[in-house]
Amino acid sequence: MQKLFPTSRNMKNFERFLESSYENGIFLDTHVSQLRHIQQMAKLHMKKMFFHMDLIHGLKNDEFATEFVCQEIQPEGIISTKGAVIMKAKQKGILSIQRIFLIDSQALEKSLKIIEKTQPDFIEVMPGAMPWIIKEIKRQVEIPIIAGGFIRTEDEVNAAMEAGASAISTSNVQLWKQFEHTSYN
């Protein structure tokens, strides 16, 4: 598995991803009308895309929209905070990333219960610039962790990896470039 996932928030960053040596990328915040075009461009460049289901404008982030995306767009994977979305993607044979936002201990408890139920392929911990929480989650689950959010420097990347993250997701193009030809790719 690649260690850094370039995350695109717009077409300009997506085009930068397409020109990179990274194989897998994440697309956040898009419109349903752009999905097919993004997927076609990715395939043309031998790239595999993960789409954030909660941030596709024009689609409700539920299991029906997930079924549509899985069947019609056929991404490598999906990301969601919703358990039903994760379970539908798994049912359709699409990789799933359960995104969890950790704002307090109650959010952590609730997230761990959802993860136990959904058994996603990956967990994306937000914010990822908290190595101590990555260690705690790593102790409690055997699912690979992706650290995302507020990771801005090489030291923060290294701290997340040392804490047990299997990968980093970032929209910081400078970090993409910095780690493109290292063991983090």
N, C-alpha and C. Protein backbone atom coordinates (compact mmCIF):
# COMPACT_ATOMS: atom_id res chain seq x y z
N MET A 1 0.85 -1.19 0.00
CA MET A 1 0.00 0.00 0.00
C MET A 1 0.88 1.24 0.00
N GLN A 2 0.49 2.22 -0.78
CA GLN A 2 1.26 3.46 -0.80
C GLN A 2 1.07 4.16 0.54
N LYS A 3 2.07 4.90 0.95
CA LYS A 3 2.08 5.50 2.28
C LYS A 3 1.55 6.92 2.32
N LEU A 4 1.40 7.55 1.16
CA LEU A 4 0.84 8.90 1.11
C LEU A 4 -0.23 8.92 0.04
N PHE A 5 -1.42 9.39 0.41
CA PHE A 5 -2.53 9.49 -0.52
C PHE A 5 -2.76 10.96 -0.86
N PRO A 6 -2.41 11.39 -2.07
CA PRO A 6 -2.73 12.75 -2.49
C PRO A 6 -4.24 12.94 -2.50
N THR A 7 -4.68 14.00 -1.87
CA THR A 7 -6.10 14.28 -1.74
C THR A 7 -6.42 15.56 -2.50
N SER A 8 -7.29 15.45 -3.49
CA SER A 8 -7.64 16.59 -4.34
C SER A 8 -8.96 17.19 -3.89
N ARG A 9 -8.96 18.51 -3.77
CA ARG A 9 -10.17 19.25 -3.44
C ARG A 9 -10.75 19.95 -4.66
N ASN A 10 -9.98 19.96 -5.75
CA ASN A 10 -10.43 20.65 -6.97
C ASN A 10 -9.73 20.02 -8.17
N MET A 11 -10.16 20.43 -9.36
CA MET A 11 -9.61 19.84 -10.59
C MET A 11 -8.14 20.20 -10.79
N LYS A 12 -7.72 21.37 -10.36
CA LYS A 12 -6.32 21.76 -10.50
C LYS A 12 -5.41 20.80 -9.73
N ASN A 13 -5.77 20.48 -8.49
CA ASN A 13 -4.97 19.53 -7.71
C ASN A 13 -5.09 18.12 -8.27
N PHE A 14 -6.26 17.78 -8.78
CA PHE A 14 -6.45 16.46 -9.39
C PHE A 14 -5.51 16.30 -10.58
N GLU A 15 -5.38 17.33 -11.39
CA GLU A 15 -4.47 17.29 -12.53
C GLU A 15 -3.02 17.13 -12.07
N ARG A 16 -2.66 17.76 -10.95
CA ARG A 16 -1.31 17.57 -10.39
C ARG A 16 -1.12 16.11 -9.96
N PHE A 17 -2.15 15.55 -9.35
CA PHE A 17 -2.09 14.14 -8.95
C PHE A 17 -1.89 13.25 -10.18
N LEU A 18 -2.62 13.52 -11.26
CA LEU A 18 -2.51 12.70 -12.46
C LEU A 18 -1.09 12.71 -13.02
N GLU A 19 -0.37 13.81 -12.85
CA GLU A 19 1.00 13.94 -13.34
C GLU A 19 2.03 13.33 -12.39
N SER A 20 1.60 12.93 -11.21
CA SER A 20 2.52 12.39 -10.21
C SER A 20 2.76 10.90 -10.43
N SER A 21 3.64 10.34 -9.63
CA SER A 21 3.89 8.89 -9.70
C SER A 21 3.01 8.11 -8.73
N TYR A 22 2.18 8.79 -7.96
CA TYR A 22 1.29 8.09 -7.04
C TYR A 22 0.24 7.30 -7.81
N GLU A 23 -0.08 6.11 -7.31
CA GLU A 23 -1.06 5.26 -7.98
C GLU A 23 -2.49 5.54 -7.50
N ASN A 24 -2.64 5.80 -6.20
CA ASN A 24 -3.96 5.99 -5.59
C ASN A 24 -4.14 7.43 -5.16
N GLY A 25 -5.34 7.94 -5.38
CA GLY A 25 -5.66 9.30 -4.95
C GLY A 25 -7.07 9.37 -4.39
N ILE A 26 -7.30 10.43 -3.66
CA ILE A 26 -8.60 10.67 -3.03
C ILE A 26 -9.16 11.96 -3.61
N PHE A 27 -10.46 11.95 -3.95
CA PHE A 27 -11.11 13.17 -4.40
C PHE A 27 -12.18 13.54 -3.39
N LEU A 28 -12.04 14.74 -2.85
CA LEU A 28 -13.03 15.30 -1.94
C LEU A 28 -13.90 16.28 -2.71
N ASP A 29 -15.01 16.61 -2.18
CA ASP A 29 -15.79 17.77 -2.59
C ASP A 29 -15.92 17.93 -4.11
N THR A 30 -16.76 17.11 -4.70
CA THR A 30 -17.01 17.21 -6.14
C THR A 30 -18.51 17.17 -6.37
N HIS A 31 -18.91 17.29 -7.60
CA HIS A 31 -20.32 17.25 -7.98
C HIS A 31 -20.58 15.93 -8.70
N VAL A 32 -21.77 15.41 -8.54
CA VAL A 32 -22.12 14.13 -9.15
C VAL A 32 -21.86 14.15 -10.66
N SER A 33 -22.04 15.29 -11.30
CA SER A 33 -21.83 15.37 -12.75
C SER A 33 -20.36 15.23 -13.14
N GLN A 34 -19.42 15.39 -12.20
CA GLN A 34 -17.99 15.28 -12.50
C GLN A 34 -17.42 13.88 -12.25
N LEU A 35 -18.16 13.04 -11.55
CA LEU A 35 -17.63 11.73 -11.14
C LEU A 35 -17.10 10.90 -12.32
N ARG A 36 -17.92 10.75 -13.33
CA ARG A 36 -17.53 9.90 -14.46
C ARG A 36 -16.28 10.46 -15.15
N HIS A 37 -16.23 11.77 -15.34
CA HIS A 37 -15.07 12.40 -15.98
C HIS A 37 -13.81 12.20 -15.13
N ILE A 38 -13.91 12.40 -13.84
CA ILE A 38 -12.76 12.21 -12.95
C ILE A 38 -12.28 10.77 -13.03
N GLN A 39 -13.20 9.84 -12.97
CA GLN A 39 -12.83 8.42 -13.02
C GLN A 39 -12.19 8.06 -14.36
N GLN A 40 -12.73 8.58 -15.45
CA GLN A 40 -12.16 8.30 -16.78
C GLN A 40 -10.75 8.86 -16.90
N MET A 41 -10.55 10.08 -16.41
CA MET A 41 -9.22 10.70 -16.45
C MET A 41 -8.23 9.88 -15.61
N ALA A 42 -8.67 9.43 -14.45
CA ALA A 42 -7.81 8.63 -13.58
C ALA A 42 -7.40 7.34 -14.30
N LYS A 43 -8.35 6.65 -14.88
CA LYS A 43 -8.04 5.39 -15.58
C LYS A 43 -7.10 5.63 -16.76
N LEU A 44 -7.31 6.72 -17.47
CA LEU A 44 -6.45 7.06 -18.59
C LEU A 44 -4.99 7.22 -18.14
N HIS A 45 -4.81 7.69 -16.91
CA HIS A 45 -3.47 7.90 -16.35
C HIS A 45 -3.05 6.75 -15.42
N MET A 46 -3.78 5.63 -15.48
CA MET A 46 -3.45 4.44 -14.68
C MET A 46 -3.50 4.73 -13.17
N LYS A 47 -4.47 5.52 -12.75
CA LYS A 47 -4.64 5.89 -11.35
C LYS A 47 -5.92 5.26 -10.81
N LYS A 48 -5.91 5.03 -9.50
CA LYS A 48 -7.08 4.47 -8.83
C LYS A 48 -7.62 5.52 -7.86
N MET A 49 -8.93 5.75 -7.94
CA MET A 49 -9.54 6.82 -7.16
C MET A 49 -10.41 6.31 -6.02
N PHE A 50 -10.36 7.06 -4.94
CA PHE A 50 -11.27 6.92 -3.81
C PHE A 50 -12.10 8.20 -3.78
N PHE A 51 -13.41 8.08 -3.67
CA PHE A 51 -14.29 9.25 -3.61
C PHE A 51 -14.90 9.36 -2.22
N HIS A 52 -14.96 10.60 -1.73
CA HIS A 52 -15.56 10.85 -0.42
C HIS A 52 -17.06 11.00 -0.62
N MET A 53 -17.82 9.98 -0.27
CA MET A 53 -19.26 9.95 -0.52
C MET A 53 -20.00 11.10 0.16
N ASP A 54 -19.54 11.52 1.33
CA ASP A 54 -20.23 12.56 2.08
C ASP A 54 -20.08 13.93 1.41
N LEU A 55 -19.14 14.05 0.48
CA LEU A 55 -18.84 15.34 -0.14
C LEU A 55 -19.12 15.38 -1.63
N ILE A 56 -19.99 14.48 -2.10
CA ILE A 56 -20.40 14.51 -3.51
C ILE A 56 -21.72 15.30 -3.58
N HIS A 57 -21.64 16.50 -4.11
CA HIS A 57 -22.83 17.35 -4.23
C HIS A 57 -23.77 16.76 -5.27
N GLY A 58 -25.04 16.75 -4.94
CA GLY A 58 -26.03 16.20 -5.85
C GLY A 58 -26.40 14.76 -5.54
N LEU A 59 -25.71 14.16 -4.58
CA LEU A 59 -26.04 12.80 -4.12
C LEU A 59 -26.21 12.84 -2.61
N LYS A 60 -27.21 12.15 -2.14
CA LYS A 60 -27.36 11.99 -0.70
C LYS A 60 -26.32 10.96 -0.26
N ASN A 61 -25.69 11.18 0.87
CA ASN A 61 -24.66 10.22 1.31
C ASN A 61 -25.32 9.07 2.07
N ASP A 62 -25.94 8.19 1.30
CA ASP A 62 -26.59 7.02 1.88
C ASP A 62 -26.23 5.77 1.07
N GLU A 63 -26.80 4.66 1.46
CA GLU A 63 -26.45 3.40 0.81
C GLU A 63 -26.92 3.33 -0.65
N PHE A 64 -27.99 4.06 -1.01
CA PHE A 64 -28.47 4.06 -2.40
C PHE A 64 -27.50 4.81 -3.31
N ALA A 65 -27.03 5.95 -2.85
CA ALA A 65 -26.04 6.71 -3.62
C ALA A 65 -24.74 5.91 -3.72
N THR A 66 -24.40 5.22 -2.66
CA THR A 66 -23.19 4.40 -2.66
C THR A 66 -23.31 3.28 -3.68
N GLU A 67 -24.46 2.65 -3.74
CA GLU A 67 -24.69 1.59 -4.72
C GLU A 67 -24.54 2.15 -6.14
N PHE A 68 -25.10 3.34 -6.38
CA PHE A 68 -24.98 3.99 -7.68
C PHE A 68 -23.51 4.23 -8.03
N VAL A 69 -22.75 4.83 -7.12
CA VAL A 69 -21.34 5.14 -7.38
C VAL A 69 -20.54 3.85 -7.60
N CYS A 70 -20.79 2.85 -6.78
CA CYS A 70 -20.06 1.58 -6.92
C CYS A 70 -20.34 0.91 -8.27
N GLN A 71 -21.60 0.92 -8.70
CA GLN A 71 -21.96 0.26 -9.95
C GLN A 71 -21.63 1.08 -11.18
N GLU A 72 -21.90 2.37 -11.13
CA GLU A 72 -21.77 3.20 -12.33
C GLU A 72 -20.39 3.83 -12.50
N ILE A 73 -19.73 4.17 -11.40
CA ILE A 73 -18.44 4.85 -11.48
C ILE A 73 -17.30 3.86 -11.26
N GLN A 74 -17.52 2.88 -10.43
CA GLN A 74 -16.56 1.81 -10.13
C GLN A 74 -15.21 2.35 -9.65
N PRO A 75 -15.23 3.12 -8.55
CA PRO A 75 -13.96 3.61 -8.01
C PRO A 75 -13.20 2.48 -7.32
N GLU A 76 -11.95 2.74 -7.02
CA GLU A 76 -11.17 1.80 -6.22
C GLU A 76 -11.75 1.71 -4.82
N GLY A 77 -12.24 2.85 -4.30
CA GLY A 77 -12.80 2.85 -2.96
C GLY A 77 -13.61 4.10 -2.68
N ILE A 78 -14.26 4.07 -1.53
CA ILE A 78 -15.03 5.21 -1.07
C ILE A 78 -14.62 5.54 0.37
N ILE A 79 -14.90 6.77 0.75
CA ILE A 79 -14.66 7.25 2.11
C ILE A 79 -15.99 7.77 2.62
N SER A 80 -16.27 7.52 3.89
CA SER A 80 -17.49 8.07 4.48
C SER A 80 -17.40 8.04 6.00
N THR A 81 -18.19 8.90 6.62
CA THR A 81 -18.37 8.86 8.06
C THR A 81 -19.58 7.99 8.42
N LYS A 82 -20.34 7.58 7.43
CA LYS A 82 -21.59 6.84 7.63
C LYS A 82 -21.39 5.33 7.56
N GLY A 83 -21.82 4.64 8.59
CA GLY A 83 -21.69 3.19 8.64
C GLY A 83 -22.41 2.48 7.52
N ALA A 84 -23.62 2.93 7.19
CA ALA A 84 -24.40 2.27 6.13
C ALA A 84 -23.69 2.39 4.78
N VAL A 85 -23.03 3.51 4.54
CA VAL A 85 -22.29 3.72 3.30
C VAL A 85 -21.11 2.74 3.22
N ILE A 86 -20.40 2.61 4.33
CA ILE A 86 -19.26 1.69 4.39
C ILE A 86 -19.72 0.25 4.13
N MET A 87 -20.80 -0.14 4.78
CA MET A 87 -21.29 -1.51 4.63
C MET A 87 -21.76 -1.79 3.19
N LYS A 88 -22.38 -0.82 2.54
CA LYS A 88 -22.83 -1.00 1.15
C LYS A 88 -21.62 -1.13 0.22
N ALA A 89 -20.60 -0.30 0.42
CA ALA A 89 -19.40 -0.39 -0.41
C ALA A 89 -18.75 -1.77 -0.27
N LYS A 90 -18.65 -2.25 0.95
CA LYS A 90 -18.07 -3.58 1.18
C LYS A 90 -18.91 -4.65 0.48
N GLN A 91 -20.23 -4.53 0.56
CA GLN A 91 -21.11 -5.48 -0.11
C GLN A 91 -20.88 -5.49 -1.62
N LYS A 92 -20.54 -4.33 -2.18
CA LYS A 92 -20.32 -4.21 -3.62
C LYS A 92 -18.88 -4.50 -4.03
N GLY A 93 -18.04 -4.87 -3.07
CA GLY A 93 -16.66 -5.23 -3.39
C GLY A 93 -15.74 -4.04 -3.61
N ILE A 94 -16.12 -2.89 -3.09
CA ILE A 94 -15.33 -1.67 -3.21
C ILE A 94 -14.64 -1.41 -1.88
N LEU A 95 -13.37 -1.02 -1.92
CA LEU A 95 -12.64 -0.72 -0.69
C LEU A 95 -13.33 0.41 0.07
N SER A 96 -13.30 0.32 1.40
CA SER A 96 -13.99 1.31 2.22
C SER A 96 -13.05 1.91 3.26
N ILE A 97 -13.18 3.22 3.41
CA ILE A 97 -12.42 3.95 4.43
C ILE A 97 -13.43 4.63 5.33
N GLN A 98 -13.47 4.22 6.59
CA GLN A 98 -14.34 4.85 7.58
C GLN A 98 -13.61 6.06 8.14
N ARG A 99 -14.11 7.24 7.85
CA ARG A 99 -13.49 8.48 8.36
C ARG A 99 -14.10 8.79 9.72
N ILE A 100 -13.21 9.03 10.68
CA ILE A 100 -13.68 9.39 12.02
C ILE A 100 -13.06 10.72 12.44
N PHE A 101 -13.93 11.57 13.01
CA PHE A 101 -13.50 12.87 13.53
C PHE A 101 -13.43 12.75 15.04
N LEU A 102 -12.27 12.96 15.59
CA LEU A 102 -12.07 12.78 17.03
C LEU A 102 -11.95 14.13 17.72
N ILE A 103 -13.06 14.56 18.29
CA ILE A 103 -13.08 15.83 18.99
C ILE A 103 -13.05 15.67 20.50
N ASP A 104 -13.41 14.47 20.98
CA ASP A 104 -13.36 14.19 22.41
C ASP A 104 -13.46 12.68 22.63
N SER A 105 -13.41 12.26 23.89
CA SER A 105 -13.42 10.83 24.20
C SER A 105 -14.74 10.17 23.82
N GLN A 106 -15.84 10.90 23.88
CA GLN A 106 -17.12 10.33 23.47
C GLN A 106 -17.13 10.05 21.97
N ALA A 107 -16.56 10.93 21.18
CA ALA A 107 -16.47 10.71 19.73
C ALA A 107 -15.62 9.48 19.44
N LEU A 108 -14.55 9.29 20.20
CA LEU A 108 -13.71 8.11 20.03
C LEU A 108 -14.50 6.83 20.34
N GLU A 109 -15.21 6.82 21.47
CA GLU A 109 -16.02 5.65 21.85
C GLU A 109 -17.05 5.31 20.78
N LYS A 110 -17.77 6.32 20.33
CA LYS A 110 -18.80 6.12 19.31
C LYS A 110 -18.18 5.61 18.01
N SER A 111 -17.06 6.18 17.62
CA SER A 111 -16.38 5.76 16.39
C SER A 111 -15.92 4.31 16.47
N LEU A 112 -15.37 3.92 17.60
CA LEU A 112 -14.91 2.53 17.76
C LEU A 112 -16.07 1.54 17.66
N LYS A 113 -17.24 1.92 18.17
CA LYS A 113 -18.42 1.06 18.05
C LYS A 113 -18.86 0.92 16.60
N ILE A 114 -18.82 2.03 15.87
CA ILE A 114 -19.18 1.98 14.44
C ILE A 114 -18.19 1.11 13.67
N ILE A 115 -16.92 1.28 13.96
CA ILE A 115 -15.87 0.50 13.29
C ILE A 115 -16.04 -0.99 13.57
N GLU A 116 -16.37 -1.30 14.80
CA GLU A 116 -16.60 -2.72 15.16
C GLU A 116 -17.73 -3.31 14.33
N LYS A 117 -18.76 -2.51 14.09
CA LYS A 117 -19.92 -2.98 13.32
C LYS A 117 -19.61 -3.05 11.83
N THR A 118 -18.96 -2.02 11.28
CA THR A 118 -18.79 -1.94 9.83
C THR A 118 -17.57 -2.68 9.31
N GLN A 119 -16.53 -2.83 10.13
CA GLN A 119 -15.29 -3.48 9.72
C GLN A 119 -14.77 -2.95 8.37
N PRO A 120 -14.49 -1.65 8.31
CA PRO A 120 -13.99 -1.09 7.06
C PRO A 120 -12.61 -1.64 6.71
N ASP A 121 -12.18 -1.41 5.49
CA ASP A 121 -10.85 -1.83 5.07
C ASP A 121 -9.77 -0.94 5.69
N PHE A 122 -10.11 0.34 5.91
CA PHE A 122 -9.20 1.31 6.49
C PHE A 122 -10.00 2.25 7.39
N ILE A 123 -9.30 2.87 8.33
CA ILE A 123 -9.87 3.93 9.16
C ILE A 123 -9.06 5.19 8.87
N GLU A 124 -9.75 6.29 8.59
CA GLU A 124 -9.05 7.56 8.45
C GLU A 124 -9.30 8.37 9.71
N VAL A 125 -8.25 8.64 10.45
CA VAL A 125 -8.33 9.37 11.71
C VAL A 125 -8.12 10.86 11.42
N MET A 126 -9.10 11.65 11.84
CA MET A 126 -9.05 13.09 11.66
C MET A 126 -9.18 13.75 13.03
N PRO A 127 -8.36 14.65 13.45
CA PRO A 127 -7.14 15.05 12.77
C PRO A 127 -6.03 14.04 12.99
N GLY A 128 -5.20 13.90 11.97
CA GLY A 128 -4.14 12.92 12.00
C GLY A 128 -2.86 13.39 12.65
N ALA A 129 -2.82 14.66 13.03
CA ALA A 129 -1.61 15.21 13.65
C ALA A 129 -1.62 15.02 15.16
N MET A 130 -2.21 13.90 15.60
CA MET A 130 -2.24 13.55 17.03
C MET A 130 -1.71 12.13 17.19
N PRO A 131 -0.40 11.96 17.23
CA PRO A 131 0.18 10.63 17.29
C PRO A 131 -0.34 9.78 18.46
N TRP A 132 -0.60 10.39 19.59
CA TRP A 132 -1.04 9.63 20.76
C TRP A 132 -2.39 8.96 20.51
N ILE A 133 -3.29 9.60 19.76
CA ILE A 133 -4.59 8.99 19.50
C ILE A 133 -4.46 7.89 18.45
N ILE A 134 -3.53 8.06 17.52
CA ILE A 134 -3.28 7.00 16.54
C ILE A 134 -2.80 5.75 17.27
N LYS A 135 -1.89 5.92 18.24
CA LYS A 135 -1.42 4.78 19.04
C LYS A 135 -2.56 4.11 19.77
N GLU A 136 -3.44 4.91 20.37
CA GLU A 136 -4.56 4.35 21.12
C GLU A 136 -5.50 3.55 20.23
N ILE A 137 -5.83 4.08 19.06
CA ILE A 137 -6.71 3.37 18.14
C ILE A 137 -6.02 2.11 17.64
N LYS A 138 -4.75 2.20 17.34
CA LYS A 138 -3.97 1.04 16.85
C LYS A 138 -4.01 -0.10 17.87
N ARG A 139 -3.98 0.25 19.15
CA ARG A 139 -4.05 -0.78 20.21
C ARG A 139 -5.42 -1.46 20.25
N GLN A 140 -6.45 -0.75 19.81
CA GLN A 140 -7.81 -1.26 19.97
C GLN A 140 -8.37 -1.96 18.73
N VAL A 141 -7.81 -1.66 17.55
CA VAL A 141 -8.33 -2.28 16.33
C VAL A 141 -7.16 -2.79 15.48
N GLU A 142 -7.46 -3.74 14.63
CA GLU A 142 -6.44 -4.29 13.74
C GLU A 142 -6.68 -3.88 12.29
N ILE A 143 -7.25 -2.72 12.12
CA ILE A 143 -7.55 -2.20 10.79
C ILE A 143 -6.52 -1.12 10.48
N PRO A 144 -5.95 -1.12 9.27
CA PRO A 144 -4.96 -0.10 8.93
C PRO A 144 -5.51 1.32 9.09
N ILE A 145 -4.68 2.19 9.62
CA ILE A 145 -5.07 3.58 9.91
C ILE A 145 -4.42 4.52 8.90
N ILE A 146 -5.24 5.42 8.38
CA ILE A 146 -4.76 6.52 7.55
C ILE A 146 -4.91 7.78 8.40
N ALA A 147 -3.83 8.53 8.55
CA ALA A 147 -3.88 9.78 9.31
C ALA A 147 -4.13 10.93 8.33
N GLY A 148 -5.13 11.74 8.62
CA GLY A 148 -5.46 12.86 7.75
C GLY A 148 -5.85 14.08 8.56
N GLY A 149 -5.63 15.22 8.01
CA GLY A 149 -6.04 16.45 8.66
C GLY A 149 -4.96 17.07 9.51
N PHE A 150 -4.60 18.29 9.20
CA PHE A 150 -3.61 19.08 9.96
C PHE A 150 -2.21 18.50 9.93
N ILE A 151 -1.92 17.65 8.97
CA ILE A 151 -0.55 17.17 8.80
C ILE A 151 0.10 18.08 7.77
N ARG A 152 1.04 18.90 8.24
CA ARG A 152 1.58 19.95 7.38
C ARG A 152 3.08 19.86 7.14
N THR A 153 3.78 19.03 7.94
CA THR A 153 5.24 19.00 7.84
C THR A 153 5.74 17.57 7.75
N GLU A 154 6.98 17.44 7.36
CA GLU A 154 7.63 16.13 7.32
C GLU A 154 7.66 15.50 8.70
N ASP A 155 7.92 16.30 9.73
CA ASP A 155 7.94 15.78 11.10
C ASP A 155 6.58 15.23 11.51
N GLU A 156 5.50 15.90 11.10
CA GLU A 156 4.16 15.41 11.44
C GLU A 156 3.84 14.13 10.68
N VAL A 157 4.30 14.02 9.44
CA VAL A 157 4.13 12.78 8.68
C VAL A 157 4.86 11.65 9.42
N ASN A 158 6.11 11.89 9.77
CA ASN A 158 6.91 10.87 10.44
C ASN A 158 6.32 10.48 11.79
N ALA A 159 5.82 11.46 12.55
CA ALA A 159 5.22 11.17 13.85
C ALA A 159 3.99 10.28 13.71
N ALA A 160 3.15 10.57 12.72
CA ALA A 160 1.95 9.75 12.49
C ALA A 160 2.32 8.33 12.09
N MET A 161 3.32 8.20 11.24
CA MET A 161 3.76 6.87 10.80
C MET A 161 4.38 6.09 11.97
N GLU A 162 5.19 6.76 12.76
CA GLU A 162 5.81 6.10 13.92
C GLU A 162 4.77 5.69 14.95
N ALA A 163 3.67 6.42 15.03
CA ALA A 163 2.61 6.11 15.98
C ALA A 163 1.77 4.91 15.54
N GLY A 164 1.91 4.50 14.27
CA GLY A 164 1.18 3.32 13.81
C GLY A 164 0.31 3.54 12.60
N ALA A 165 0.27 4.75 12.05
CA ALA A 165 -0.50 4.96 10.82
C ALA A 165 0.14 4.17 9.69
N SER A 166 -0.68 3.58 8.86
CA SER A 166 -0.19 2.85 7.68
C SER A 166 0.02 3.79 6.51
N ALA A 167 -0.68 4.94 6.54
CA ALA A 167 -0.60 5.90 5.45
C ALA A 167 -1.04 7.27 5.94
N ILE A 168 -0.79 8.26 5.09
CA ILE A 168 -1.18 9.64 5.34
C ILE A 168 -2.04 10.10 4.17
N SER A 169 -3.10 10.86 4.46
CA SER A 169 -3.84 11.51 3.38
C SER A 169 -3.64 13.02 3.56
N THR A 170 -3.36 13.70 2.45
CA THR A 170 -3.12 15.13 2.55
C THR A 170 -3.45 15.83 1.24
N SER A 171 -3.97 17.04 1.37
CA SER A 171 -4.19 17.89 0.19
C SER A 171 -3.03 18.86 0.01
N ASN A 172 -2.01 18.75 0.86
CA ASN A 172 -0.84 19.61 0.79
C ASN A 172 0.07 19.15 -0.35
N VAL A 173 0.02 19.87 -1.46
CA VAL A 173 0.76 19.49 -2.66
C VAL A 173 2.27 19.47 -2.41
N GLN A 174 2.75 20.33 -1.53
CA GLN A 174 4.18 20.34 -1.20
C GLN A 174 4.60 19.02 -0.56
N LEU A 175 3.74 18.47 0.31
CA LEU A 175 4.05 17.16 0.91
C LEU A 175 4.00 16.06 -0.15
N TRP A 176 3.09 16.16 -1.11
CA TRP A 176 3.05 15.17 -2.19
C TRP A 176 4.40 15.14 -2.88
N LYS A 177 4.87 16.32 -3.25
CA LYS A 177 6.14 16.42 -3.97
C LYS A 177 7.29 15.93 -3.10
N GLN A 178 7.26 16.31 -1.84
CA GLN A 178 8.35 15.96 -0.93
C GLN A 178 8.51 14.46 -0.76
N PHE A 179 7.39 13.74 -0.71
CA PHE A 179 7.44 12.30 -0.44
C PHE A 179 7.22 11.44 -1.67
N GLU A 180 7.10 12.06 -2.83
CA GLU A 180 6.77 11.31 -4.05
C GLU A 180 7.79 10.23 -4.37
N HIS A 181 9.03 10.49 -4.18
CA HIS A 181 10.06 9.52 -4.56
C HIS A 181 10.77 8.93 -3.33
N THR A 182 10.01 8.79 -2.24
CA THR A 182 10.56 8.19 -1.02
C THR A 182 9.80 6.91 -0.71
N SER A 183 10.14 6.32 0.38
CA SER A 183 9.45 5.09 0.81
C SER A 183 8.02 5.36 1.21
N TYR A 184 7.61 6.64 1.33
CA TYR A 184 6.24 6.96 1.66
C TYR A 184 5.32 6.88 0.46
N ASN A 185 5.83 6.66 -0.72
CA ASN A 185 4.97 6.51 -1.90
C ASN A 185 4.79 5.05 -2.20
